[in-house]
Protein backbone atom coordinates (compact mmCIF):
# COMPACT_ATOMS: atom_id res chain seq x y z
CA MET A 1 0.82 -2.51 -36.15
CA ILE A 2 -2.47 -0.63 -36.29
CA SER A 3 -2.68 2.63 -38.23
CA ILE A 4 -5.18 5.18 -36.95
CA ASP A 5 -6.16 8.55 -38.43
CA SER A 6 -8.62 9.75 -35.77
CA THR A 7 -8.44 10.57 -32.08
CA ILE A 8 -7.96 7.54 -29.87
CA ALA A 9 -8.16 6.71 -26.17
CA LEU A 10 -5.50 4.40 -24.77
CA GLN A 11 -5.66 3.30 -21.14
CA GLY A 12 -7.84 6.31 -20.35
CA VAL A 13 -5.61 8.87 -22.04
CA THR A 14 -6.77 10.68 -25.16
CA ASP A 15 -4.15 11.97 -27.59
CA LYS A 16 -5.39 13.78 -30.71
CA ARG A 17 -1.89 13.76 -32.23
CA VAL A 18 -1.65 9.95 -32.31
CA GLU A 19 -0.99 8.52 -35.75
CA ASN A 20 -0.44 4.88 -34.88
CA ILE A 21 0.13 2.47 -32.02
CA GLU A 22 2.51 -0.48 -31.72
CA SER A 23 1.39 -2.92 -29.06
CA MET A 24 3.91 -4.95 -27.08
CA GLU A 25 3.38 -7.22 -24.09
CA GLY A 26 2.68 -4.93 -21.15
CA SER A 27 3.47 -1.71 -22.96
CA HIS A 28 2.34 0.59 -25.71
CA VAL A 29 4.22 3.06 -27.82
CA ILE A 30 2.36 6.27 -28.60
CA LYS A 31 3.62 8.05 -31.71
CA GLY A 32 2.79 11.74 -32.10
CA ALA A 33 2.72 13.83 -35.24
CA ALA A 34 6.16 15.31 -34.47
CA MET A 35 7.55 11.77 -34.22
CA SER A 36 8.07 12.27 -30.51
CA GLN A 37 7.19 8.96 -28.95
CA GLN A 38 6.32 7.83 -25.45
CA ALA A 39 6.44 4.23 -24.33
CA ASN A 40 3.75 3.30 -21.80
CA ILE A 41 4.84 0.50 -19.43
CA ILE A 42 1.77 -0.94 -17.76
CA LEU A 43 2.87 -2.19 -14.36
CA PRO A 44 1.34 -5.30 -12.73
CA SER A 45 -0.86 -5.28 -9.62
CA ARG A 46 2.15 -6.51 -7.60
CA PHE A 47 5.17 -4.40 -8.50
CA ASP A 48 8.10 -5.99 -6.64
CA TYR A 49 11.35 -7.84 -7.37
CA GLY A 50 9.38 -10.66 -8.99
CA TYR A 51 8.67 -8.30 -11.89
CA HIS A 52 12.39 -7.43 -12.23
CA LYS A 53 13.17 -9.31 -15.47
CA GLU A 54 10.12 -8.06 -17.39
CA PHE A 55 10.64 -4.52 -16.11
CA GLN A 56 14.29 -4.63 -17.16
CA ARG A 57 13.37 -6.03 -20.60
CA GLN A 58 10.85 -3.28 -21.26
CA CYS A 59 13.01 -0.45 -19.96
CA THR A 60 16.03 -1.64 -21.95
CA GLU A 61 13.96 -2.00 -25.08
CA HIS A 62 12.52 1.49 -24.78
CA LEU A 63 15.77 3.22 -23.77
CA ASP A 64 17.62 1.57 -26.68
CA ASN A 65 14.93 2.72 -29.15
CA GLN A 66 16.23 6.04 -30.49
CA SER A 67 12.76 7.19 -31.58
CA ILE A 68 11.31 6.98 -28.04
CA THR A 69 11.75 10.21 -26.06
CA GLY A 70 9.90 9.27 -22.88
CA ILE A 71 8.75 6.32 -20.82
CA VAL A 72 5.54 6.43 -18.80
CA PHE A 73 5.15 4.05 -15.85
CA ASP A 74 1.42 3.34 -15.67
CA PHE A 75 0.55 2.58 -12.04
CA SER A 76 -3.22 2.30 -12.59
CA ARG A 77 -3.20 -1.47 -11.81
CA VAL A 78 -0.60 -1.42 -9.01
CA GLU A 79 -1.93 -2.41 -5.59
CA TYR A 80 1.35 -3.43 -4.00
CA LEU A 81 4.74 -1.71 -4.29
CA ASP A 82 7.93 -2.45 -2.36
CA SER A 83 11.41 -0.97 -1.93
CA ALA A 84 12.83 -3.20 -4.67
CA ALA A 85 10.40 -1.60 -7.15
CA LEU A 86 11.42 1.87 -5.99
CA GLY A 87 15.07 0.93 -6.41
CA MET A 88 14.45 -0.38 -9.94
CA MET A 89 12.68 2.84 -10.84
CA MET A 90 15.60 4.92 -9.54
CA MET A 91 18.18 2.85 -11.43
CA TRP A 92 16.30 3.19 -14.70
CA GLN A 93 15.67 6.91 -14.09
CA ARG A 94 19.46 7.42 -13.92
CA ARG A 95 19.86 5.49 -17.16
CA ALA A 96 17.10 7.51 -18.81
CA VAL A 97 18.77 10.79 -17.84
CA ALA A 98 22.04 9.50 -19.36
CA ALA A 99 20.12 8.63 -22.55
CA GLN A 100 18.42 12.06 -22.51
CA LYS A 101 14.94 10.57 -22.10
CA LYS A 102 12.14 11.44 -19.68
CA MET A 103 10.49 9.00 -17.31
CA MET A 104 7.00 9.80 -16.03
CA ILE A 105 4.47 8.32 -13.62
CA LYS A 106 0.73 8.17 -14.13
CA GLY A 107 -2.27 6.52 -12.53
CA ALA A 108 -0.96 5.94 -9.00
CA LYS A 109 -3.73 5.80 -6.41
CA GLY A 110 -4.41 4.77 -2.85
CA ALA A 111 -1.55 3.18 -0.90
CA THR A 112 0.63 3.10 -4.02
CA ALA A 113 0.34 6.89 -4.43
CA GLN A 114 1.15 7.32 -0.73
CA ILE A 115 4.29 5.17 -0.99
CA LEU A 116 5.47 7.11 -4.04
CA GLU A 117 4.78 10.37 -2.18
CA MET A 118 6.69 9.21 0.93
CA ALA A 119 9.64 8.22 -1.32
CA ASN A 120 9.49 11.75 -2.78
CA MET A 121 9.19 10.44 -6.35
CA LYS A 122 7.57 13.71 -7.50
CA ARG A 123 10.96 15.33 -7.10
CA ILE A 124 12.51 12.80 -9.52
CA PHE A 125 9.75 11.81 -11.93
CA GLU A 126 7.25 13.95 -13.80
CA TYR A 127 3.64 13.06 -12.92
CA ILE A 128 1.16 13.11 -15.78
């Protein structure tokens, strides 16, 4: 664990409230001053069923963590996205609602952003 007192930038996002960061494989947990935490799941360039087990592991870990209030799916690296990935996102969104946690999308661009738009994900996920 790294403790930080000053403003930091993580994956292009600056958060002046950040006190410390815990780094995990493929994800980061951002802790704010009010102890409200967001987990950042960094998705791979190919987001399809082949990523299922890792995606499930990270989502389960973050949803089970009582101190995490939101999960951010970071699409900044995603170049390919299929219907299996959309289905996984929907399944975990339902579980997040049941656990009273928010799921958000950030960094989608190009064809990935178009697919998310066609799937009407803005209606279901908050975009940040």
